[in-house]
Amino acid sequence: MAIEIKQEKKGNPLIWIIILVVILGIGFWVVKTFLKPEEILSKPRMEDILPSPDSVRLNQADLNMSSILDNPIFQTLAPHISWPLPVSSLGHQNPFKQF
């Protein structure tokens, strides 16, 4: 009875590189296809909201806040609420105490 010793076959590194490239390509495709954020609502254009020739001028308007705040008509406006709003306490001091 004879024992045969076979030499171990070495894999071709080119095949392993091709398999790795295919797996990486499939992984990239899966991530790009299934994990990208979906745009549910599209951003409206100014012409869709205000369909007039003035919408272009309104879009290019420069709003100077200091001239608005220093305006005497704006200064005559009176506040109707106190700011910051008062915070009311909710609940009990002891949550286990009965009503």
PDB file of N, CA and C in Angstrom:
ATOM      1  N   MET A   1       0.834  -1.151   0.000  1.00  0.00           N
ATOM      2  CA  MET A   1       0.000   0.000   0.000  1.00  0.00           C
ATOM      3  C   MET A   1       0.897   1.238   0.000  1.00  0.00           C
ATOM      4  N   ALA A   2       0.597   2.149  -0.936  1.00  0.00           N
ATOM      5  CA  ALA A   2       1.438   3.327  -1.092  1.00  0.00           C
ATOM      6  C   ALA A   2       0.651   4.571  -0.701  1.00  0.00           C
ATOM      7  N   ILE A   3       1.341   5.509  -0.137  1.00  0.00           N
ATOM      8  CA  ILE A   3       0.730   6.790   0.235  1.00  0.00           C
ATOM      9  C   ILE A   3       1.165   7.809  -0.800  1.00  0.00           C
ATOM     10  N   GLU A   4       0.164   8.409  -1.382  1.00  0.00           N
ATOM     11  CA  GLU A   4       0.460   9.427  -2.387  1.00  0.00           C
ATOM     12  C   GLU A   4       0.434  10.802  -1.738  1.00  0.00           C
ATOM     13  N   ILE A   5       1.425  11.571  -1.977  1.00  0.00           N
ATOM     14  CA  ILE A   5       1.484  12.947  -1.474  1.00  0.00           C
ATOM     15  C   ILE A   5       1.372  13.851  -2.686  1.00  0.00           C
ATOM     16  N   LYS A   6       0.245  14.613  -2.694  1.00  0.00           N
ATOM     17  CA  LYS A   6       0.025  15.525  -3.810  1.00  0.00           C
ATOM     18  C   LYS A   6       0.478  16.922  -3.406  1.00  0.00           C
ATOM     19  N   GLN A   7       1.001  17.603  -4.351  1.00  0.00           N
ATOM     20  CA  GLN A   7       1.453  18.960  -4.093  1.00  0.00           C
ATOM     21  C   GLN A   7       0.225  19.878  -4.053  1.00  0.00           C
ATOM     22  N   GLU A   8       0.231  20.789  -3.093  1.00  0.00           N
ATOM     23  CA  GLU A   8      -0.894  21.696  -2.918  1.00  0.00           C
ATOM     24  C   GLU A   8      -0.937  22.668  -4.090  1.00  0.00           C
ATOM     25  N   LYS A   9      -2.160  22.862  -4.622  1.00  0.00           N
ATOM     26  CA  LYS A   9      -2.309  23.774  -5.754  1.00  0.00           C
ATOM     27  C   LYS A   9      -2.386  25.200  -5.236  1.00  0.00           C
ATOM     28  N   LYS A  10      -1.640  26.051  -5.829  1.00  0.00           N
ATOM     29  CA  LYS A  10      -1.658  27.465  -5.456  1.00  0.00           C
ATOM     30  C   LYS A  10      -2.688  28.176  -6.339  1.00  0.00           C
ATOM     31  N   GLY A  11      -3.528  29.023  -5.688  1.00  0.00           N
ATOM     32  CA  GLY A  11      -4.521  29.783  -6.440  1.00  0.00           C
ATOM     33  C   GLY A  11      -3.867  30.927  -7.197  1.00  0.00           C
ATOM     34  N   ASN A  12      -4.450  31.244  -8.296  1.00  0.00           N
ATOM     35  CA  ASN A  12      -3.957  32.330  -9.114  1.00  0.00           C
ATOM     36  C   ASN A  12      -4.360  33.658  -8.463  1.00  0.00           C
ATOM     37  N   PRO A  13      -3.431  34.555  -8.147  1.00  0.00           N
ATOM     38  CA  PRO A  13      -3.803  35.822  -7.492  1.00  0.00           C
ATOM     39  C   PRO A  13      -4.662  36.717  -8.391  1.00  0.00           C
ATOM     40  N   LEU A  14      -4.575  36.536  -9.685  1.00  0.00           N
ATOM     41  CA  LEU A  14      -5.396  37.338 -10.594  1.00  0.00           C
ATOM     42  C   LEU A  14      -6.872  37.016 -10.412  1.00  0.00           C
ATOM     43  N   ILE A  15      -7.200  35.769 -10.160  1.00  0.00           N
ATOM     44  CA  ILE A  15      -8.598  35.374  -9.940  1.00  0.00           C
ATOM     45  C   ILE A  15      -9.119  36.013  -8.654  1.00  0.00           C
ATOM     46  N   TRP A  16      -8.289  36.023  -7.595  1.00  0.00           N
ATOM     47  CA  TRP A  16      -8.714  36.634  -6.334  1.00  0.00           C
ATOM     48  C   TRP A  16      -8.902  38.145  -6.493  1.00  0.00           C
ATOM     49  N   ILE A  17      -8.080  38.787  -7.281  1.00  0.00           N
ATOM     50  CA  ILE A  17      -8.229  40.226  -7.534  1.00  0.00           C
ATOM     51  C   ILE A  17      -9.518  40.498  -8.293  1.00  0.00           C
ATOM     52  N   ILE A  18      -9.816  39.667  -9.295  1.00  0.00           N
ATOM     53  CA  ILE A  18     -11.051  39.840 -10.068  1.00  0.00           C
ATOM     54  C   ILE A  18     -12.271  39.634  -9.171  1.00  0.00           C
ATOM     55  N   ILE A  19     -12.238  38.617  -8.308  1.00  0.00           N
ATOM     56  CA  ILE A  19     -13.356  38.363  -7.388  1.00  0.00           C
ATOM     57  C   ILE A  19     -13.526  39.539  -6.433  1.00  0.00           C
ATOM     58  N   LEU A  20     -12.431  40.083  -5.923  1.00  0.00           N
ATOM     59  CA  LEU A  20     -12.490  41.227  -5.019  1.00  0.00           C
ATOM     60  C   LEU A  20     -13.058  42.456  -5.714  1.00  0.00           C
ATOM     61  N   VAL A  21     -12.657  42.704  -6.963  1.00  0.00           N
ATOM     62  CA  VAL A  21     -13.174  43.850  -7.718  1.00  0.00           C
ATOM     63  C   VAL A  21     -14.671  43.687  -7.973  1.00  0.00           C
ATOM     64  N   VAL A  22     -15.123  42.490  -8.299  1.00  0.00           N
ATOM     65  CA  VAL A  22     -16.550  42.245  -8.542  1.00  0.00           C
ATOM     66  C   VAL A  22     -17.352  42.457  -7.258  1.00  0.00           C
ATOM     67  N   ILE A  23     -16.855  41.954  -6.128  1.00  0.00           N
ATOM     68  CA  ILE A  23     -17.564  42.124  -4.846  1.00  0.00           C
ATOM     69  C   ILE A  23     -17.617  43.601  -4.466  1.00  0.00           C
ATOM     70  N   LEU A  24     -16.511  44.325  -4.631  1.00  0.00           N
ATOM     71  CA  LEU A  24     -16.512  45.755  -4.329  1.00  0.00           C
ATOM     72  C   LEU A  24     -17.446  46.523  -5.265  1.00  0.00           C
ATOM     73  N   GLY A  25     -17.498  46.141  -6.534  1.00  0.00           N
ATOM     74  CA  GLY A  25     -18.412  46.783  -7.482  1.00  0.00           C
ATOM     75  C   GLY A  25     -19.870  46.561  -7.105  1.00  0.00           C
ATOM     76  N   ILE A  26     -20.206  45.338  -6.726  1.00  0.00           N
ATOM     77  CA  ILE A  26     -21.585  45.036  -6.309  1.00  0.00           C
ATOM     78  C   ILE A  26     -21.914  45.792  -5.018  1.00  0.00           C
ATOM     79  N   GLY A  27     -20.975  45.851  -4.087  1.00  0.00           N
ATOM     80  CA  GLY A  27     -21.199  46.596  -2.843  1.00  0.00           C
ATOM     81  C   GLY A  27     -21.394  48.073  -3.104  1.00  0.00           C
ATOM     82  N   PHE A  28     -20.589  48.671  -3.977  1.00  0.00           N
ATOM     83  CA  PHE A  28     -20.743  50.085  -4.327  1.00  0.00           C
ATOM     84  C   PHE A  28     -22.096  50.333  -4.965  1.00  0.00           C
ATOM     85  N   TRP A  29     -22.524  49.444  -5.862  1.00  0.00           N
ATOM     86  CA  TRP A  29     -23.824  49.588  -6.523  1.00  0.00           C
ATOM     87  C   TRP A  29     -24.970  49.499  -5.519  1.00  0.00           C
ATOM     88  N   VAL A  30     -24.887  48.559  -4.560  1.00  0.00           N
ATOM     89  CA  VAL A  30     -25.937  48.414  -3.547  1.00  0.00           C
ATOM     90  C   VAL A  30     -26.025  49.665  -2.685  1.00  0.00           C
ATOM     91  N   VAL A  31     -24.877  50.192  -2.248  1.00  0.00           N
ATOM     92  CA  VAL A  31     -24.884  51.396  -1.419  1.00  0.00           C
ATOM     93  C   VAL A  31     -25.425  52.580  -2.207  1.00  0.00           C
ATOM     94  N   LYS A  32     -25.005  52.733  -3.439  1.00  0.00           N
ATOM     95  CA  LYS A  32     -25.438  53.868  -4.257  1.00  0.00           C
ATOM     96  C   LYS A  32     -26.925  53.782  -4.580  1.00  0.00           C
ATOM     97  N   THR A  33     -27.450  52.599  -4.799  1.00  0.00           N
ATOM     98  CA  THR A  33     -28.832  52.430  -5.191  1.00  0.00           C
ATOM     99  C   THR A  33     -29.786  52.474  -4.009  1.00  0.00           C
ATOM    100  N   PHE A  34     -29.482  51.771  -2.950  1.00  0.00           N
ATOM    101  CA  PHE A  34     -30.446  51.600  -1.877  1.00  0.00           C
ATOM    102  C   PHE A  34     -30.245  52.528  -0.688  1.00  0.00           C
ATOM    103  N   LEU A  35     -29.074  53.090  -0.489  1.00  0.00           N
ATOM    104  CA  LEU A  35     -28.827  53.905   0.689  1.00  0.00           C
ATOM    105  C   LEU A  35     -28.728  55.395   0.413  1.00  0.00           C
ATOM    106  N   LYS A  36     -29.021  55.831  -0.803  1.00  0.00           N
ATOM    107  CA  LYS A  36     -28.971  57.266  -1.077  1.00  0.00           C
ATOM    108  C   LYS A  36     -30.251  57.927  -0.566  1.00  0.00           C
ATOM    109  N   PRO A  37     -30.154  59.167  -0.085  1.00  0.00           N
ATOM    110  CA  PRO A  37     -31.358  59.843   0.411  1.00  0.00           C
ATOM    111  C   PRO A  37     -32.305  60.169  -0.742  1.00  0.00           C
ATOM    112  N   GLU A  38     -33.558  59.976  -0.500  1.00  0.00           N
ATOM    113  CA  GLU A  38     -34.585  60.185  -1.506  1.00  0.00           C
ATOM    114  C   GLU A  38     -35.165  61.587  -1.342  1.00  0.00           C
ATOM    115  N   GLU A  39     -35.275  62.319  -2.424  1.00  0.00           N
ATOM    116  CA  GLU A  39     -35.855  63.665  -2.379  1.00  0.00           C
ATOM    117  C   GLU A  39     -37.365  63.536  -2.500  1.00  0.00           C
ATOM    118  N   ILE A  40     -38.058  63.774  -1.376  1.00  0.00           N
ATOM    119  CA  ILE A  40     -39.504  63.608  -1.355  1.00  0.00           C
ATOM    120  C   ILE A  40     -40.187  64.840  -1.934  1.00  0.00           C
ATOM    121  N   LEU A  41     -39.789  65.999  -1.465  1.00  0.00           N
ATOM    122  CA  LEU A  41     -40.376  67.246  -1.947  1.00  0.00           C
ATOM    123  C   LEU A  41     -39.310  68.030  -2.695  1.00  0.00           C
ATOM    124  N   SER A  42     -39.672  68.524  -3.848  1.00  0.00           N
ATOM    125  CA  SER A  42     -38.717  69.323  -4.602  1.00  0.00           C
ATOM    126  C   SER A  42     -38.773  70.768  -4.115  1.00  0.00           C
ATOM    127  N   LYS A  43     -37.653  71.468  -4.205  1.00  0.00           N
ATOM    128  CA  LYS A  43     -37.570  72.846  -3.761  1.00  0.00           C
ATOM    129  C   LYS A  43     -38.304  73.723  -4.774  1.00  0.00           C
ATOM    130  N   PRO A  44     -39.298  74.489  -4.310  1.00  0.00           N
ATOM    131  CA  PRO A  44     -40.055  75.299  -5.270  1.00  0.00           C
ATOM    132  C   PRO A  44     -39.230  76.480  -5.767  1.00  0.00           C
ATOM    133  N   ARG A  45     -39.505  76.875  -6.988  1.00  0.00           N
ATOM    134  CA  ARG A  45     -38.849  78.041  -7.550  1.00  0.00           C
ATOM    135  C   ARG A  45     -39.649  79.283  -7.176  1.00  0.00           C
ATOM    136  N   MET A  46     -39.005  80.434  -7.201  1.00  0.00           N
ATOM    137  CA  MET A  46     -39.676  81.689  -6.861  1.00  0.00           C
ATOM    138  C   MET A  46     -40.799  81.984  -7.858  1.00  0.00           C
ATOM    139  N   GLU A  47     -40.628  81.614  -9.111  1.00  0.00           N
ATOM    140  CA  GLU A  47     -41.644  81.881 -10.132  1.00  0.00           C
ATOM    141  C   GLU A  47     -42.897  81.048  -9.903  1.00  0.00           C
ATOM    142  N   ASP A  48     -42.744  79.874  -9.247  1.00  0.00           N
ATOM    143  CA  ASP A  48     -43.913  79.058  -8.948  1.00  0.00           C
ATOM    144  C   ASP A  48     -44.725  79.644  -7.804  1.00  0.00           C
ATOM    145  N   ILE A  49     -44.049  80.297  -6.849  1.00  0.00           N
ATOM    146  CA  ILE A  49     -44.743  80.862  -5.702  1.00  0.00           C
ATOM    147  C   ILE A  49     -45.341  82.219  -6.050  1.00  0.00           C
ATOM    148  N   LEU A  50     -44.551  83.089  -6.645  1.00  0.00           N
ATOM    149  CA  LEU A  50     -45.015  84.419  -7.048  1.00  0.00           C
ATOM    150  C   LEU A  50     -44.866  84.561  -8.559  1.00  0.00           C
ATOM    151  N   PRO A  51     -45.869  84.148  -9.313  1.00  0.00           N
ATOM    152  CA  PRO A  51     -45.735  84.215 -10.782  1.00  0.00           C
ATOM    153  C   PRO A  51     -45.989  85.630 -11.306  1.00  0.00           C
ATOM    154  N   SER A  52     -45.068  86.531 -11.058  1.00  0.00           N
ATOM    155  CA  SER A  52     -45.189  87.888 -11.571  1.00  0.00           C
ATOM    156  C   SER A  52     -43.804  88.408 -11.899  1.00  0.00           C
ATOM    157  N   PRO A  53     -43.726  89.495 -12.652  1.00  0.00           N
ATOM    158  CA  PRO A  53     -42.399  90.060 -12.947  1.00  0.00           C
ATOM    159  C   PRO A  53     -41.731  90.659 -11.715  1.00  0.00           C
ATOM    160  N   ASP A  54     -42.506  90.959 -10.665  1.00  0.00           N
ATOM    161  CA  ASP A  54     -41.926  91.526  -9.449  1.00  0.00           C
ATOM    162  C   ASP A  54     -41.179  90.494  -8.629  1.00  0.00           C
ATOM    163  N   SER A  55     -41.380  89.212  -8.896  1.00  0.00           N
ATOM    164  CA  SER A  55     -40.696  88.181  -8.116  1.00  0.00           C
ATOM    165  C   SER A  55     -39.188  88.244  -8.303  1.00  0.00           C
ATOM    166  N   VAL A  56     -38.718  88.655  -9.456  1.00  0.00           N
ATOM    167  CA  VAL A  56     -37.281  88.786  -9.691  1.00  0.00           C
ATOM    168  C   VAL A  56     -36.731  89.926  -8.840  1.00  0.00           C
ATOM    169  N   ARG A  57     -37.450  91.044  -8.799  1.00  0.00           N
ATOM    170  CA  ARG A  57     -37.012  92.181  -7.977  1.00  0.00           C
ATOM    171  C   ARG A  57     -37.053  91.821  -6.494  1.00  0.00           C
ATOM    172  N   LEU A  58     -38.073  91.059  -6.086  1.00  0.00           N
ATOM    173  CA  LEU A  58     -38.183  90.653  -4.692  1.00  0.00           C
ATOM    174  C   LEU A  58     -37.052  89.714  -4.299  1.00  0.00           C
ATOM    175  N   ASN A  59     -36.647  88.867  -5.193  1.00  0.00           N
ATOM    176  CA  ASN A  59     -35.558  87.934  -4.930  1.00  0.00           C
ATOM    177  C   ASN A  59     -34.222  88.658  -4.805  1.00  0.00           C
ATOM    178  N   GLN A  60     -34.057  89.767  -5.501  1.00  0.00           N
ATOM    179  CA  GLN A  60     -32.806  90.512  -5.478  1.00  0.00           C
ATOM    180  C   GLN A  60     -32.814  91.638  -4.459  1.00  0.00           C
ATOM    181  N   ALA A  61     -33.877  91.796  -3.669  1.00  0.00           N
ATOM    182  CA  ALA A  61     -33.990  92.887  -2.708  1.00  0.00           C
ATOM    183  C   ALA A  61     -32.984  92.716  -1.580  1.00  0.00           C
ATOM    184  N   ASP A  62     -32.418  93.839  -1.151  1.00  0.00           N
ATOM    185  CA  ASP A  62     -31.481  93.854  -0.039  1.00  0.00           C
ATOM    186  C   ASP A  62     -32.207  94.446   1.162  1.00  0.00           C
ATOM    187  N   LEU A  63     -32.384  93.640   2.205  1.00  0.00           N
ATOM    188  CA  LEU A  63     -33.130  94.047   3.379  1.00  0.00           C
ATOM    189  C   LEU A  63     -32.166  94.600   4.421  1.00  0.00           C
ATOM    190  N   ASN A  64     -32.294  95.897   4.705  1.00  0.00           N
ATOM    191  CA  ASN A  64     -31.430  96.562   5.677  1.00  0.00           C
ATOM    192  C   ASN A  64     -32.175  96.624   7.000  1.00  0.00           C
ATOM    193  N   MET A  65     -31.815  95.769   7.955  1.00  0.00           N
ATOM    194  CA  MET A  65     -32.535  95.657   9.221  1.00  0.00           C
ATOM    195  C   MET A  65     -32.347  96.895  10.097  1.00  0.00           C
ATOM    196  N   SER A  66     -31.206  97.536  10.046  1.00  0.00           N
ATOM    197  CA  SER A  66     -30.980  98.702  10.905  1.00  0.00           C
ATOM    198  C   SER A  66     -31.907  99.852  10.518  1.00  0.00           C
ATOM    199  N   SER A  67     -32.173 100.034   9.230  1.00  0.00           N
ATOM    200  CA  SER A  67     -33.085 101.113   8.825  1.00  0.00           C
ATOM    201  C   SER A  67     -34.523 100.787   9.219  1.00  0.00           C
ATOM    202  N   ILE A  68     -34.873  99.507   9.257  1.00  0.00           N
ATOM    203  CA  ILE A  68     -36.219  99.126   9.685  1.00  0.00           C
ATOM    204  C   ILE A  68     -36.380  99.327  11.187  1.00  0.00           C
ATOM    205  N   LEU A  69     -35.402  98.905  11.957  1.00  0.00           N
ATOM    206  CA  LEU A  69     -35.492  99.020  13.410  1.00  0.00           C
ATOM    207  C   LEU A  69     -35.403 100.469  13.894  1.00  0.00           C
ATOM    208  N   ASP A  70     -34.728 101.341  13.145  1.00  0.00           N
ATOM    209  CA  ASP A  70     -34.604 102.753  13.519  1.00  0.00           C
ATOM    210  C   ASP A  70     -35.742 103.605  12.973  1.00  0.00           C
ATOM    211  N   ASN A  71     -36.638 103.026  12.220  1.00  0.00           N
ATOM    212  CA  ASN A  71     -37.749 103.770  11.646  1.00  0.00           C
ATOM    213  C   ASN A  71     -38.685 104.235  12.763  1.00  0.00           C
ATOM    214  N   PRO A  72     -39.138 105.516  12.753  1.00  0.00           N
ATOM    215  CA  PRO A  72     -40.000 106.014  13.828  1.00  0.00           C
ATOM    216  C   PRO A  72     -41.366 105.319  13.868  1.00  0.00           C
ATOM    217  N   ILE A  73     -41.855 104.878  12.752  1.00  0.00           N
ATOM    218  CA  ILE A  73     -43.144 104.170  12.736  1.00  0.00           C
ATOM    219  C   ILE A  73     -42.996 102.813  13.410  1.00  0.00           C
ATOM    220  N   PHE A  74     -41.885 102.150  13.161  1.00  0.00           N
ATOM    221  CA  PHE A  74     -41.641 100.870  13.818  1.00  0.00           C
ATOM    222  C   PHE A  74     -41.434 101.060  15.324  1.00  0.00           C
ATOM    223  N   GLN A  75     -40.822 102.183  15.699  1.00  0.00           N
ATOM    224  CA  GLN A  75     -40.579 102.465  17.120  1.00  0.00           C
ATOM    225  C   GLN A  75     -41.877 102.689  17.880  1.00  0.00           C
ATOM    226  N   THR A  76     -42.953 103.134  17.202  1.00  0.00           N
ATOM    227  CA  THR A  76     -44.222 103.390  17.887  1.00  0.00           C
ATOM    228  C   THR A  76     -45.003 102.115  18.167  1.00  0.00           C
ATOM    229  N   LEU A  77     -44.622 101.014  17.605  1.00  0.00           N
ATOM    230  CA  LEU A  77     -45.326  99.762  17.849  1.00  0.00           C
ATOM    231  C   LEU A  77     -45.121  99.324  19.298  1.00  0.00           C
ATOM    232  N   ALA A  78     -46.191  98.828  19.905  1.00  0.00           N
ATOM    233  CA  ALA A  78     -46.127  98.412  21.306  1.00  0.00           C
ATOM    234  C   ALA A  78     -46.187  96.892  21.386  1.00  0.00           C
ATOM    235  N   PRO A  79     -45.397  96.285  22.292  1.00  0.00           N
ATOM    236  CA  PRO A  79     -45.476  94.831  22.449  1.00  0.00           C
ATOM    237  C   PRO A  79     -46.751  94.444  23.199  1.00  0.00           C
ATOM    238  N   HIS A  80     -47.348  93.343  22.803  1.00  0.00           N
ATOM    239  CA  HIS A  80     -48.578  92.867  23.428  1.00  0.00           C
ATOM    240  C   HIS A  80     -48.350  91.606  24.265  1.00  0.00           C
ATOM    241  N   ILE A  81     -47.141  91.101  24.300  1.00  0.00           N
ATOM    242  CA  ILE A  81     -46.812  89.942  25.128  1.00  0.00           C
ATOM    243  C   ILE A  81     -45.520  90.249  25.864  1.00  0.00           C
ATOM    244  N   SER A  82     -45.332  89.571  26.971  1.00  0.00           N
ATOM    245  CA  SER A  82     -44.060  89.704  27.687  1.00  0.00           C
ATOM    246  C   SER A  82     -43.124  88.605  27.201  1.00  0.00           C
ATOM    247  N   TRP A  83     -41.893  88.976  26.998  1.00  0.00           N
ATOM    248  CA  TRP A  83     -40.927  88.020  26.475  1.00  0.00           C
ATOM    249  C   TRP A  83     -39.773  87.894  27.430  1.00  0.00           C
ATOM    250  N   PRO A  84     -39.267  86.783  27.807  1.00  0.00           N
ATOM    251  CA  PRO A  84     -39.687  85.449  27.425  1.00  0.00           C
ATOM    252  C   PRO A  84     -40.978  85.055  28.126  1.00  0.00           C
ATOM    253  N   LEU A  85     -41.680  84.131  27.528  1.00  0.00           N
ATOM    254  CA  LEU A  85     -42.953  83.691  28.066  1.00  0.00           C
ATOM    255  C   LEU A  85     -42.758  83.019  29.419  1.00  0.00           C
ATOM    256  N   PRO A  86     -43.696  83.222  30.350  1.00  0.00           N
ATOM    257  CA  PRO A  86     -43.544  82.588  31.661  1.00  0.00           C
ATOM    258  C   PRO A  86     -43.711  81.071  31.566  1.00  0.00           C
ATOM    259  N   VAL A  87     -42.917  80.363  32.341  1.00  0.00           N
ATOM    260  CA  VAL A  87     -42.953  78.907  32.329  1.00  0.00           C
ATOM    261  C   VAL A  87     -43.791  78.445  33.514  1.00  0.00           C
ATOM    262  N   SER A  88     -44.844  77.705  33.243  1.00  0.00           N
ATOM    263  CA  SER A  88     -45.676  77.186  34.319  1.00  0.00           C
ATOM    264  C   SER A  88     -45.129  75.835  34.766  1.00  0.00           C
ATOM    265  N   SER A  89     -45.269  75.578  36.071  1.00  0.00           N
ATOM    266  CA  SER A  89     -44.765  74.304  36.585  1.00  0.00           C
ATOM    267  C   SER A  89     -45.799  73.211  36.302  1.00  0.00           C
ATOM    268  N   LEU A  90     -45.340  72.108  35.814  1.00  0.00           N
ATOM    269  CA  LEU A  90     -46.204  70.984  35.488  1.00  0.00           C
ATOM    270  C   LEU A  90     -45.942  69.856  36.472  1.00  0.00           C
ATOM    271  N   GLY A  91     -46.999  69.167  36.863  1.00  0.00           N
ATOM    272  CA  GLY A  91     -46.833  68.002  37.723  1.00  0.00           C
ATOM    273  C   GLY A  91     -46.747  68.368  39.186  1.00  0.00           C
ATOM    274  N   HIS A  92     -46.358  67.412  39.997  1.00  0.00           N
ATOM    275  CA  HIS A  92     -46.238  67.568  41.446  1.00  0.00           C
ATOM    276  C   HIS A  92     -44.775  67.545  41.839  1.00  0.00           C
ATOM    277  N   GLN A  93     -44.511  68.059  43.031  1.00  0.00           N
ATOM    278  CA  GLN A  93     -43.170  67.948  43.559  1.00  0.00           C
ATOM    279  C   GLN A  93     -42.841  66.488  43.817  1.00  0.00           C
ATOM    280  N   ASN A  94     -43.815  65.755  44.375  1.00  0.00           N
ATOM    281  CA  ASN A  94     -43.630  64.334  44.649  1.00  0.00           C
ATOM    282  C   ASN A  94     -44.532  63.560  43.691  1.00  0.00           C
ATOM    283  N   PRO A  95     -44.004  62.890  42.696  1.00  0.00           N
ATOM    284  CA  PRO A  95     -44.848  62.205  41.727  1.00  0.00           C
ATOM    285  C   PRO A  95     -45.595  61.001  42.301  1.00  0.00           C
ATOM    286  N   PHE A  96     -45.194  60.505  43.482  1.00  0.00           N
ATOM    287  CA  PHE A  96     -45.856  59.350  44.064  1.00  0.00           C
ATOM    288  C   PHE A  96     -46.986  59.747  45.002  1.00  0.00           C
ATOM    289  N   LYS A  97     -47.132  61.036  45.274  1.00  0.00           N
ATOM    290  CA  LYS A  97     -48.178  61.510  46.165  1.00  0.00           C
ATOM    291  C   LYS A  97     -49.513  61.483  45.409  1.00  0.00           C
ATOM    292  N   GLN A  98     -50.583  61.074  46.093  1.00  0.00           N
ATOM    293  CA  GLN A  98     -51.904  61.005  45.466  1.00  0.00           C
ATOM    294  C   GLN A  98     -52.483  62.389  45.334  1.00  0.00           C
ATOM    295  N   PHE A  99     -53.469  62.535  44.447  1.00  0.00           N
ATOM    296  CA  PHE A  99     -54.097  63.832  44.198  1.00  0.00           C
ATOM    297  C   PHE A  99     -54.871  64.324  45.355  1.00  0.00           C
TER     298      PHE A  99
END
